[in-house]
Amino acid sequence: MALFDENTTIVPARRAPMSRTTLIGVWSLAVALVALLALTLIPTSFVIQRPGPVFNTLGTSTDAAGDEVPLISVSGAETFPTSGSLDLLTVQVVGNRDRTPSWFELALAWFDPSKAVIPIDQVFPQGQSTEERNQESAVMMVDSQKEATAAALTELGYDVKPMVRVYALTDDSAAAGVLEPDDIIRAADGQPITETDELRAIINDADGAPVQLTIDRGGQTLTESITPKQATVDGETTWLIGITTLHDYDFPIDVTIQLDNVGGPSAGMMFALGIIDTLSGGDLNGGEEVAGTGTIDSSGTVGPIGGIRQKMYGAKDAGATWFLAPKDNCDEVVGHIPAGLRVFSVATLDDALDVLAAIRGDGDLDALPTCE
């Protein structure tokens, strides 16, 4: 018996062709994989905002050495125990000019109500370095703390005196070698100065002539002359001495706010409320968990902020049941309030205090302004 025949050709059976449905499925999968790769690798021009850390102004924070310290501390006046929380909210930004979120990450964020997709230029302006942005943000935080302290102490009846403090000198500053950071400018050409706008007006009125400044440096009074330099700002010719300033105050007591690695002005109102609670008997918030946001100036005016939707979700996640929102942010609040969070509209520090009084049980919550 022959086991095989070398003259016999064995022809393999034909493979059945793919069905139309299978072929479409294979191509769909290939296209999907290519699209997913593109969504992962192709650069975008957006960043993502999401809720950031929450800080209780009545609690503690971590200082530069890593130690837990009171977020607000006061010396020179009697302080009182507090309870509950007066939370300030922050927003984290995912992405920067070096690494933007992928299209896939943006798509996921788009359908998450606690996040927002925004153009990168709104957060990282063209031509501004990360260092410059951080410095600007730090200046706004320091300024907000000063304004909050002034508003709180004025509300409590203290005598608060405004002043102009030098924060930094610009590149090629006309004041180089004359002014130093932390100098207090008391007068210009013999006129008392309490606002930066007053100083700016006197410099421009001099029309390039030297301006004589009276300076307080560490308790020592100095008189110095500076010749301004001409510059074009926003298309207009002006005269500058090349400094950035802080709107500062002479406070009758010492208030220290310790909050590292957080910038911007949006915590001002909550700082003010925290200071008032610390210096007042009883619980300003009735021991409740209250959160809020908003800039503030020394007169107590509350201003709008960015990222309020993310801050409402941050407040809810932190356990707050009450939220104080700037009146000018109400158009962003309506229709986006997380379940379980009650939001009130405030335009002034007094408005915020009225809400807290009602929460304590002294008022009608239903009669207070809300975002509608």
Protein backbone atom coordinates (compact mmCIF):
# COMPACT_ATOMS: atom_id res chain seq x y z
CA MET A 1 0.00 0.00 0.00
CA ALA A 2 1.37 3.43 -0.95
CA LEU A 3 1.44 5.98 1.86
CA PHE A 4 1.56 8.87 -0.62
CA ASP A 5 1.78 9.50 -4.28
CA GLU A 6 4.51 11.97 -5.28
CA ASN A 7 2.62 12.73 -8.47
CA THR A 8 -0.46 13.87 -6.61
CA THR A 9 -0.93 17.66 -5.94
CA ILE A 10 -2.89 18.60 -2.87
CA VAL A 11 -4.86 21.80 -3.33
CA PRO A 12 -5.80 23.66 -0.05
CA ALA A 13 -9.43 24.40 0.46
CA ARG A 14 -10.40 28.00 -0.36
CA ARG A 15 -10.84 30.30 2.65
CA ALA A 16 -14.34 31.65 2.83
CA PRO A 17 -14.37 35.40 2.08
CA MET A 18 -15.22 37.85 4.91
CA SER A 19 -18.81 38.77 5.11
CA ARG A 20 -19.71 42.39 4.44
CA THR A 21 -20.64 42.83 8.09
CA THR A 22 -17.28 41.48 9.30
CA LEU A 23 -15.37 43.65 6.82
CA ILE A 24 -17.21 46.76 7.98
CA GLY A 25 -16.47 45.82 11.59
CA VAL A 26 -12.74 45.41 10.92
CA TRP A 27 -12.50 48.73 9.11
CA SER A 28 -14.53 50.45 11.84
CA LEU A 29 -12.16 49.10 14.48
CA ALA A 30 -9.12 50.27 12.50
CA VAL A 31 -10.58 53.75 12.04
CA ALA A 32 -11.46 53.90 15.74
CA LEU A 33 -7.92 52.95 16.74
CA VAL A 34 -6.44 55.57 14.43
CA ALA A 35 -8.89 58.17 15.77
CA LEU A 36 -8.04 57.24 19.37
CA LEU A 37 -4.34 57.59 18.59
CA ALA A 38 -4.98 60.98 17.01
CA LEU A 39 -7.07 62.12 19.99
CA THR A 40 -4.19 61.14 22.25
CA LEU A 41 -1.31 62.68 20.28
CA ILE A 42 -2.60 65.71 18.34
CA PRO A 43 -1.93 68.93 20.31
CA THR A 44 -4.89 70.97 21.55
CA SER A 45 -5.35 74.62 22.45
CA PHE A 46 -7.45 74.11 25.57
CA VAL A 47 -7.00 73.41 29.27
CA ILE A 48 -9.36 71.90 31.84
CA GLN A 49 -10.60 73.56 35.02
CA ARG A 50 -11.66 71.29 37.87
CA PRO A 51 -12.37 71.71 41.60
CA GLY A 52 -9.23 72.28 43.63
CA PRO A 53 -8.41 72.01 47.34
CA VAL A 54 -10.82 73.52 49.88
CA PHE A 55 -9.51 75.48 52.89
CA ASN A 56 -11.44 76.35 56.04
CA THR A 57 -10.53 79.91 57.01
CA LEU A 58 -11.39 78.98 60.61
CA GLY A 59 -9.02 76.00 60.51
CA THR A 60 -5.37 75.37 59.81
CA SER A 61 -3.05 75.20 56.83
CA THR A 62 0.47 73.96 56.19
CA ASP A 63 3.26 76.54 56.22
CA ALA A 64 6.45 76.50 54.15
CA ALA A 65 8.15 74.31 56.77
CA GLY A 66 5.37 71.72 56.61
CA ASP A 67 3.90 72.60 60.02
CA GLU A 68 0.19 72.98 60.73
CA VAL A 69 -0.59 76.60 61.65
CA PRO A 70 -3.82 78.60 61.99
CA LEU A 71 -4.92 79.85 58.58
CA ILE A 72 -5.88 83.15 60.26
CA SER A 73 -4.06 84.34 63.36
CA VAL A 74 -4.44 87.66 65.20
CA SER A 75 -2.26 89.46 67.74
CA GLY A 76 -3.04 92.68 69.52
CA ALA A 77 -6.73 91.91 70.10
CA GLU A 78 -8.90 89.35 71.88
CA THR A 79 -9.89 86.34 69.79
CA PHE A 80 -12.69 83.82 70.28
CA PRO A 81 -13.26 80.11 69.60
CA THR A 82 -14.98 79.22 66.32
CA SER A 83 -16.79 76.17 64.99
CA GLY A 84 -18.12 74.84 61.70
CA SER A 85 -16.42 76.13 58.58
CA LEU A 86 -16.11 79.16 56.35
CA ASP A 87 -14.54 77.48 53.35
CA LEU A 88 -12.66 79.18 50.54
CA LEU A 89 -12.54 77.32 47.24
CA THR A 90 -9.86 76.91 44.61
CA VAL A 91 -9.73 75.75 41.01
CA GLN A 92 -7.05 73.51 39.51
CA VAL A 93 -5.96 73.85 35.89
CA VAL A 94 -5.07 70.66 34.01
CA GLY A 95 -2.59 71.44 31.24
CA ASN A 96 -0.23 74.24 30.24
CA ARG A 97 1.56 75.45 27.12
CA ASP A 98 4.16 72.68 27.43
CA ARG A 99 1.61 69.91 27.79
CA THR A 100 -2.04 70.44 26.85
CA PRO A 101 -4.75 67.87 27.60
CA SER A 102 -5.47 65.39 24.82
CA TRP A 103 -8.68 65.53 22.81
CA PHE A 104 -9.76 62.39 24.63
CA GLU A 105 -9.29 64.11 28.02
CA LEU A 106 -11.16 67.16 26.75
CA ALA A 107 -14.05 64.98 25.58
CA LEU A 108 -14.34 63.35 29.01
CA ALA A 109 -14.20 66.76 30.75
CA TRP A 110 -16.85 68.20 28.41
CA PHE A 111 -19.44 65.78 29.79
CA ASP A 112 -18.43 66.26 33.44
CA PRO A 113 -20.46 69.09 35.04
CA SER A 114 -17.74 69.71 37.63
CA LYS A 115 -15.17 70.52 34.93
CA ALA A 116 -14.82 73.18 32.24
CA VAL A 117 -12.92 73.24 28.96
CA ILE A 118 -11.52 76.69 28.22
CA PRO A 119 -9.11 78.19 25.66
CA ILE A 120 -5.54 78.10 26.89
CA ASP A 121 -5.06 81.83 26.19
CA GLN A 122 -7.57 82.65 28.94
CA VAL A 123 -5.31 81.05 31.53
CA PHE A 124 -1.84 81.31 29.98
CA PRO A 125 -1.74 84.53 27.91
CA GLN A 126 0.59 84.63 24.92
CA GLY A 127 3.96 86.12 25.81
CA GLN A 128 3.57 85.58 29.56
CA SER A 129 5.96 83.11 31.16
CA THR A 130 4.92 80.69 33.89
CA GLU A 131 7.12 82.61 36.32
CA GLU A 132 5.42 85.90 35.42
CA ARG A 133 1.99 84.34 35.77
CA ASN A 134 2.83 82.88 39.18
CA GLN A 135 4.23 86.21 40.34
CA GLU A 136 1.11 88.04 39.20
CA SER A 137 -1.08 85.49 40.95
CA ALA A 138 0.94 85.80 44.15
CA VAL A 139 0.61 89.60 44.09
CA MET A 140 -3.17 89.31 43.72
CA MET A 141 -3.32 86.89 46.67
CA VAL A 142 -1.32 89.22 48.92
CA ASP A 143 -3.44 92.17 47.79
CA SER A 144 -6.68 90.26 48.48
CA GLN A 145 -5.52 89.47 52.02
CA LYS A 146 -4.82 93.14 52.68
CA GLU A 147 -8.19 94.22 51.27
CA ALA A 148 -10.00 91.50 53.24
CA THR A 149 -8.30 92.56 56.47
CA ALA A 150 -9.19 96.20 55.83
CA ALA A 151 -12.83 95.33 55.09
CA ALA A 152 -13.14 93.09 58.16
CA LEU A 153 -11.52 95.53 60.60
CA THR A 154 -13.53 98.45 59.22
CA GLU A 155 -16.71 96.38 59.70
CA LEU A 156 -15.66 95.79 63.31
CA GLY A 157 -15.10 99.51 63.91
CA TYR A 158 -11.29 99.70 63.78
CA ASP A 159 -9.49 102.72 62.30
CA VAL A 160 -7.76 101.54 59.10
CA LYS A 161 -5.41 103.86 57.20
CA PRO A 162 -4.60 103.14 53.50
CA MET A 163 -1.11 103.51 52.02
CA VAL A 164 0.89 102.63 48.90
CA ARG A 165 3.68 100.06 49.27
CA VAL A 166 6.30 99.21 46.64
CA TYR A 167 6.03 95.54 45.66
CA ALA A 168 8.76 95.28 43.00
CA LEU A 169 10.80 97.24 40.46
CA THR A 170 10.34 96.53 36.78
CA ASP A 171 13.18 95.86 34.33
CA ASP A 172 15.01 99.08 33.40
CA SER A 173 13.12 100.90 36.19
CA ALA A 174 13.60 104.65 36.59
CA ALA A 175 13.46 104.01 40.35
CA ALA A 176 16.39 101.54 40.32
CA GLY A 177 18.80 102.36 43.14
CA VAL A 178 16.28 104.74 44.69
CA LEU A 179 13.23 102.71 45.74
CA GLU A 180 13.21 99.23 47.26
CA PRO A 181 10.51 96.61 47.75
CA ASP A 182 8.44 97.29 50.90
CA ASP A 183 9.08 101.06 50.75
CA ILE A 184 5.93 102.99 51.66
CA ILE A 185 5.31 106.08 49.52
CA ARG A 186 3.77 108.67 51.83
CA ALA A 187 3.80 111.70 49.52
CA ALA A 188 4.70 112.85 45.99
CA ASP A 189 5.72 116.46 45.28
CA GLY A 190 4.41 117.33 48.73
CA GLN A 191 0.95 115.80 48.22
CA PRO A 192 -0.07 112.97 50.59
CA ILE A 193 -0.49 109.60 48.82
CA THR A 194 -2.91 106.86 49.89
CA GLU A 195 -3.83 105.38 46.48
CA THR A 196 -1.75 104.26 43.50
CA ASP A 197 -3.98 106.28 41.15
CA GLU A 198 -3.01 109.44 43.06
CA LEU A 199 0.69 108.67 42.59
CA ARG A 200 0.17 107.91 38.89
CA ALA A 201 -1.66 111.21 38.33
CA ILE A 202 1.10 113.27 39.98
CA ILE A 203 3.80 111.54 37.90
CA ASN A 204 1.90 112.19 34.66
CA ASP A 205 1.15 115.80 35.59
CA ALA A 206 4.90 116.37 36.00
CA ASP A 207 5.23 115.59 32.27
CA GLY A 208 8.70 114.07 32.54
CA ALA A 209 10.07 116.37 35.24
CA PRO A 210 11.63 114.79 38.35
CA VAL A 211 9.13 113.80 41.06
CA GLN A 212 10.06 114.09 44.71
CA LEU A 213 8.84 111.19 46.84
CA THR A 214 8.58 110.98 50.62
CA ILE A 215 9.32 107.39 51.60
CA ASP A 216 8.96 105.36 54.78
CA ARG A 217 11.63 102.65 54.82
CA GLY A 218 11.61 100.51 57.96
CA GLY A 219 10.39 103.41 60.08
CA GLN A 220 12.90 105.89 58.62
CA THR A 221 11.60 108.82 56.54
CA LEU A 222 13.52 109.52 53.31
CA THR A 223 13.09 112.05 50.52
CA GLU A 224 14.15 110.94 47.05
CA SER A 225 13.84 112.35 43.52
CA ILE A 226 13.03 110.18 40.50
CA THR A 227 12.90 111.20 36.83
CA PRO A 228 10.11 109.23 35.07
CA LYS A 229 10.55 107.51 31.72
CA GLN A 230 8.12 107.90 28.85
CA ALA A 231 6.34 104.76 27.67
CA THR A 232 3.37 103.65 25.59
CA VAL A 233 0.77 101.61 27.46
CA ASP A 234 -2.33 100.32 25.63
CA GLY A 235 -1.65 102.76 22.81
CA GLU A 236 -1.38 105.81 25.09
CA THR A 237 1.74 107.75 26.01
CA THR A 238 2.39 107.92 29.73
CA TRP A 239 5.16 108.51 32.27
CA LEU A 240 6.39 105.71 34.53
CA ILE A 241 8.85 105.35 37.39
CA GLY A 242 8.98 101.57 36.89
CA ILE A 243 7.43 100.06 40.02
CA THR A 244 4.54 97.76 40.86
CA THR A 245 2.66 98.64 44.02
CA LEU A 246 0.40 97.07 46.61
CA HIS A 247 -2.58 98.85 48.07
CA ASP A 248 -1.60 98.39 51.70
CA TYR A 249 -2.85 99.60 55.06
CA ASP A 250 -1.71 100.65 58.50
CA PHE A 251 -3.64 98.22 60.69
CA PRO A 252 -4.18 98.79 64.42
CA ILE A 253 -3.76 95.04 65.08
CA ASP A 254 -1.73 92.31 63.38
CA VAL A 255 -3.64 89.85 61.21
CA THR A 256 -1.67 87.04 59.54
CA ILE A 257 -3.15 84.83 56.83
CA GLN A 258 -1.12 81.68 56.15
CA LEU A 259 -1.98 80.01 52.85
CA ASP A 260 0.90 78.77 50.69
CA ASN A 261 0.74 77.74 47.01
CA VAL A 262 -2.59 79.44 46.38
CA GLY A 263 -2.84 82.54 44.23
CA GLY A 264 -5.39 85.00 42.90
CA PRO A 265 -7.87 87.35 44.56
CA SER A 266 -11.00 85.19 44.78
CA ALA A 267 -10.69 84.23 48.47
CA GLY A 268 -11.02 87.82 49.68
CA MET A 269 -14.60 87.67 50.96
CA MET A 270 -14.04 84.41 52.87
CA PHE A 271 -10.85 85.82 54.44
CA ALA A 272 -12.87 88.81 55.66
CA LEU A 273 -15.57 86.58 57.15
CA GLY A 274 -12.95 84.39 58.82
CA ILE A 275 -11.29 87.44 60.41
CA ILE A 276 -14.63 88.78 61.68
CA ASP A 277 -15.54 85.39 63.18
CA THR A 278 -12.13 85.11 64.87
CA LEU A 279 -12.54 88.56 66.46
CA SER A 280 -16.22 88.18 67.41
CA GLY A 281 -17.90 86.29 70.21
CA GLY A 282 -20.20 83.44 69.19
CA ASP A 283 -20.21 81.49 65.94
CA LEU A 284 -20.70 83.72 62.92
CA ASN A 285 -21.93 80.75 60.87
CA GLY A 286 -23.96 79.12 63.64
CA GLY A 287 -21.53 76.20 63.59
CA GLU A 288 -22.65 75.27 60.06
CA GLU A 289 -20.58 74.27 57.04
CA VAL A 290 -20.57 77.36 54.82
CA ALA A 291 -18.52 77.94 51.67
CA GLY A 292 -18.17 80.90 49.37
CA THR A 293 -16.06 82.88 46.96
CA GLY A 294 -15.60 86.42 45.73
CA THR A 295 -13.08 89.24 45.64
CA ILE A 296 -13.44 92.06 48.15
CA ASP A 297 -12.14 95.59 48.51
CA SER A 298 -11.64 97.65 51.64
CA SER A 299 -15.14 99.13 51.35
CA GLY A 300 -16.67 95.65 51.49
CA THR A 301 -17.72 95.37 47.84
CA VAL A 302 -17.76 91.75 46.65
CA GLY A 303 -16.63 91.16 43.05
CA PRO A 304 -16.91 88.29 40.54
CA ILE A 305 -14.42 85.46 40.14
CA GLY A 306 -13.59 82.71 37.65
CA GLY A 307 -14.43 79.03 37.86
CA ILE A 308 -17.50 79.39 40.05
CA ARG A 309 -19.12 76.19 38.76
CA GLN A 310 -16.06 74.18 39.74
CA LYS A 311 -16.03 75.91 43.12
CA MET A 312 -19.64 74.98 43.82
CA TYR A 313 -18.83 71.32 43.20
CA GLY A 314 -15.74 71.65 45.37
CA ALA A 315 -17.88 73.08 48.16
CA LYS A 316 -20.41 70.27 47.86
CA ASP A 317 -17.68 67.60 47.88
CA ALA A 318 -16.18 69.21 51.03
CA GLY A 319 -19.50 68.88 52.87
CA ALA A 320 -20.83 72.44 52.65
CA THR A 321 -24.59 72.93 52.50
CA TRP A 322 -24.56 76.74 52.08
CA PHE A 323 -22.74 78.75 49.42
CA LEU A 324 -22.15 82.49 49.06
CA ALA A 325 -21.79 83.54 45.41
CA PRO A 326 -20.93 86.99 44.05
CA LYS A 327 -23.99 88.65 42.53
CA ASP A 328 -22.09 89.32 39.29
CA ASN A 329 -21.49 85.56 38.85
CA CYS A 330 -25.19 84.66 39.02
CA ASP A 331 -25.49 84.10 35.26
CA GLU A 332 -22.95 81.26 35.60
CA VAL A 333 -24.63 79.84 38.70
CA VAL A 334 -28.18 79.42 37.40
CA GLY A 335 -28.81 75.88 36.21
CA HIS A 336 -25.49 74.55 37.51
CA ILE A 337 -26.01 74.23 41.27
CA PRO A 338 -25.10 70.77 42.61
CA ALA A 339 -27.89 68.94 44.42
CA GLY A 340 -27.90 69.61 48.16
CA LEU A 341 -26.17 73.00 47.95
CA ARG A 342 -28.14 76.19 48.66
CA VAL A 343 -26.68 79.28 46.98
CA PHE A 344 -27.18 82.91 48.00
CA SER A 345 -26.26 86.00 45.99
CA VAL A 346 -24.09 88.61 47.74
CA ALA A 347 -22.85 91.97 46.50
CA THR A 348 -21.28 93.28 49.72
CA LEU A 349 -19.74 92.03 52.95
CA ASP A 350 -22.92 93.13 54.73
CA ASP A 351 -24.94 90.87 52.39
CA ALA A 352 -22.73 87.92 53.37
CA LEU A 353 -23.14 88.74 57.06
CA ASP A 354 -26.93 88.86 56.59
CA VAL A 355 -26.86 85.35 55.13
CA LEU A 356 -24.78 84.05 58.02
CA ALA A 357 -27.15 85.71 60.51
CA ALA A 358 -30.09 83.93 58.86
CA ILE A 359 -28.22 80.62 58.91
CA ARG A 360 -27.66 81.10 62.65
CA GLY A 361 -31.44 81.28 62.96
CA ASP A 362 -31.83 85.03 63.28
CA GLY A 363 -33.40 85.70 59.89
CA ASP A 364 -35.59 84.48 57.04
CA LEU A 365 -33.49 82.51 54.55
CA ASP A 366 -36.26 82.59 51.96
CA ALA A 367 -36.19 86.39 51.96
CA LEU A 368 -32.50 86.57 50.99
CA PRO A 369 -31.33 87.17 47.40
CA THR A 370 -30.51 84.10 45.32
CA CYS A 371 -29.29 83.60 41.75
CA GLU A 372 -32.32 83.33 39.48
